Amino acid sequence: LMKPAQIKEMNKVELETKLNDNLEALQNFKFQKALQQLEDGTMISKTKREIAQLRTVLNEFKLGIRKEEGAK
């Protein structure tokens, strides 16, 4: 899992890639939980929180609040 400061330094492509990875990981954690194979039960909530942070930063790009580094 990443720190919020690391997320804010990423560009749009990296954010989208990380978001897709986290969505896949979340699905896997849910399957493991259903099969009672999930060792760390907090991983689901931590992954959901990171997904929300990624979506927030991506939305800031979309709204123009945050600019691409090369676009300055």
C-alpha atoms as a PDB file:
ATOM      1  CA  LEU A   1       0.000   0.000   0.000  1.00  0.00           C
ATOM      2  CA  MET A   2       1.118   3.516  -0.807  1.00  0.00           C
ATOM      3  CA  LYS A   3       1.256   6.673   1.238  1.00  0.00           C
ATOM      4  CA  PRO A   4      -0.994   9.578   0.122  1.00  0.00           C
ATOM      5  CA  ALA A   5       2.089  11.694  -0.680  1.00  0.00           C
ATOM      6  CA  GLN A   6       3.289   8.997  -3.115  1.00  0.00           C
ATOM      7  CA  ILE A   7      -0.126   8.939  -4.801  1.00  0.00           C
ATOM      8  CA  LYS A   8      -0.079  12.720  -5.300  1.00  0.00           C
ATOM      9  CA  GLU A   9       3.297  12.503  -7.081  1.00  0.00           C
ATOM     10  CA  MET A  10       2.070   9.997  -9.689  1.00  0.00           C
ATOM     11  CA  ASN A  11       0.964  10.974 -13.189  1.00  0.00           C
ATOM     12  CA  LYS A  12      -2.411  10.106 -14.689  1.00  0.00           C
ATOM     13  CA  VAL A  13      -1.305   6.884 -16.456  1.00  0.00           C
ATOM     14  CA  GLU A  14       0.397   5.564 -13.313  1.00  0.00           C
ATOM     15  CA  LEU A  15      -2.707   6.370 -11.259  1.00  0.00           C
ATOM     16  CA  GLU A  16      -5.007   4.515 -13.659  1.00  0.00           C
ATOM     17  CA  THR A  17      -2.692   1.490 -13.693  1.00  0.00           C
ATOM     18  CA  LYS A  18      -2.479   1.408  -9.891  1.00  0.00           C
ATOM     19  CA  LEU A  19      -6.275   1.788  -9.647  1.00  0.00           C
ATOM     20  CA  ASN A  20      -6.827  -1.227 -11.916  1.00  0.00           C
ATOM     21  CA  ASP A  21      -4.289  -3.258  -9.921  1.00  0.00           C
ATOM     22  CA  ASN A  22      -6.039  -2.365  -6.665  1.00  0.00           C
ATOM     23  CA  LEU A  23      -9.480  -3.229  -8.029  1.00  0.00           C
ATOM     24  CA  GLU A  24      -8.153  -6.665  -9.022  1.00  0.00           C
ATOM     25  CA  ALA A  25      -6.475  -7.127  -5.636  1.00  0.00           C
ATOM     26  CA  LEU A  26      -9.703  -6.148  -3.851  1.00  0.00           C
ATOM     27  CA  GLN A  27     -11.626  -8.777  -5.791  1.00  0.00           C
ATOM     28  CA  ASN A  28      -9.012 -11.389  -4.886  1.00  0.00           C
ATOM     29  CA  PHE A  29      -9.180 -10.413  -1.201  1.00  0.00           C
ATOM     30  CA  LYS A  30     -12.965 -10.801  -1.274  1.00  0.00           C
ATOM     31  CA  PHE A  31     -12.657 -14.279  -2.796  1.00  0.00           C
ATOM     32  CA  GLN A  32     -10.078 -15.240  -0.168  1.00  0.00           C
ATOM     33  CA  LYS A  33     -12.364 -13.960   2.579  1.00  0.00           C
ATOM     34  CA  ALA A  34     -15.276 -15.988   1.202  1.00  0.00           C
ATOM     35  CA  LEU A  35     -13.076 -19.094   1.197  1.00  0.00           C
ATOM     36  CA  GLN A  36     -11.766 -18.220   4.689  1.00  0.00           C
ATOM     37  CA  GLN A  37      -8.196 -18.008   3.381  1.00  0.00           C
ATOM     38  CA  LEU A  38      -7.623 -14.287   4.021  1.00  0.00           C
ATOM     39  CA  GLU A  39      -4.886 -13.894   6.617  1.00  0.00           C
ATOM     40  CA  ASP A  40      -5.013 -10.116   7.134  1.00  0.00           C
ATOM     41  CA  GLY A  41      -8.641  -8.993   7.341  1.00  0.00           C
ATOM     42  CA  THR A  42      -7.655  -5.315   7.277  1.00  0.00           C
ATOM     43  CA  MET A  43      -6.362  -5.578   3.698  1.00  0.00           C
ATOM     44  CA  ILE A  44      -9.865  -5.145   2.259  1.00  0.00           C
ATOM     45  CA  SER A  45     -10.475  -1.826   4.025  1.00  0.00           C
ATOM     46  CA  LYS A  46      -6.919  -0.606   3.353  1.00  0.00           C
ATOM     47  CA  THR A  47      -7.279  -1.413  -0.353  1.00  0.00           C
ATOM     48  CA  LYS A  48     -10.679   0.322  -0.510  1.00  0.00           C
ATOM     49  CA  ARG A  49      -9.172   3.424   1.101  1.00  0.00           C
ATOM     50  CA  GLU A  50      -6.330   3.497  -1.430  1.00  0.00           C
ATOM     51  CA  ILE A  51      -8.805   3.052  -4.307  1.00  0.00           C
ATOM     52  CA  ALA A  52     -10.738   6.073  -3.000  1.00  0.00           C
ATOM     53  CA  GLN A  53      -7.540   8.138  -2.792  1.00  0.00           C
ATOM     54  CA  LEU A  54      -6.581   7.178  -6.353  1.00  0.00           C
ATOM     55  CA  ARG A  55     -10.043   8.039  -7.671  1.00  0.00           C
ATOM     56  CA  THR A  56      -9.944  11.394  -5.866  1.00  0.00           C
ATOM     57  CA  VAL A  57      -6.638  12.374  -7.470  1.00  0.00           C
ATOM     58  CA  LEU A  58      -7.838  11.196 -10.903  1.00  0.00           C
ATOM     59  CA  ASN A  59     -10.985  13.296 -10.455  1.00  0.00           C
ATOM     60  CA  GLU A  60      -8.835  16.311  -9.564  1.00  0.00           C
ATOM     61  CA  PHE A  61      -7.045  15.880 -12.917  1.00  0.00           C
ATOM     62  CA  LYS A  62     -10.423  15.675 -14.661  1.00  0.00           C
ATOM     63  CA  LEU A  63     -11.716  18.821 -12.948  1.00  0.00           C
ATOM     64  CA  GLY A  64      -8.521  20.738 -13.671  1.00  0.00           C
ATOM     65  CA  ILE A  65      -7.602  21.139  -9.989  1.00  0.00           C
ATOM     66  CA  ARG A  66      -4.411  19.151 -10.575  1.00  0.00           C
ATOM     67  CA  LYS A  67      -2.333  19.606 -13.725  1.00  0.00           C
ATOM     68  CA  GLU A  68      -0.018  17.173 -15.513  1.00  0.00           C
ATOM     69  CA  GLU A  69       3.631  17.938 -14.718  1.00  0.00           C
ATOM     70  CA  GLY A  70       4.509  18.594 -18.369  1.00  0.00           C
ATOM     71  CA  ALA A  71       1.534  20.916 -18.919  1.00  0.00           C
ATOM     72  CA  LYS A  72       2.775  23.791 -16.739  1.00  0.00           C
END
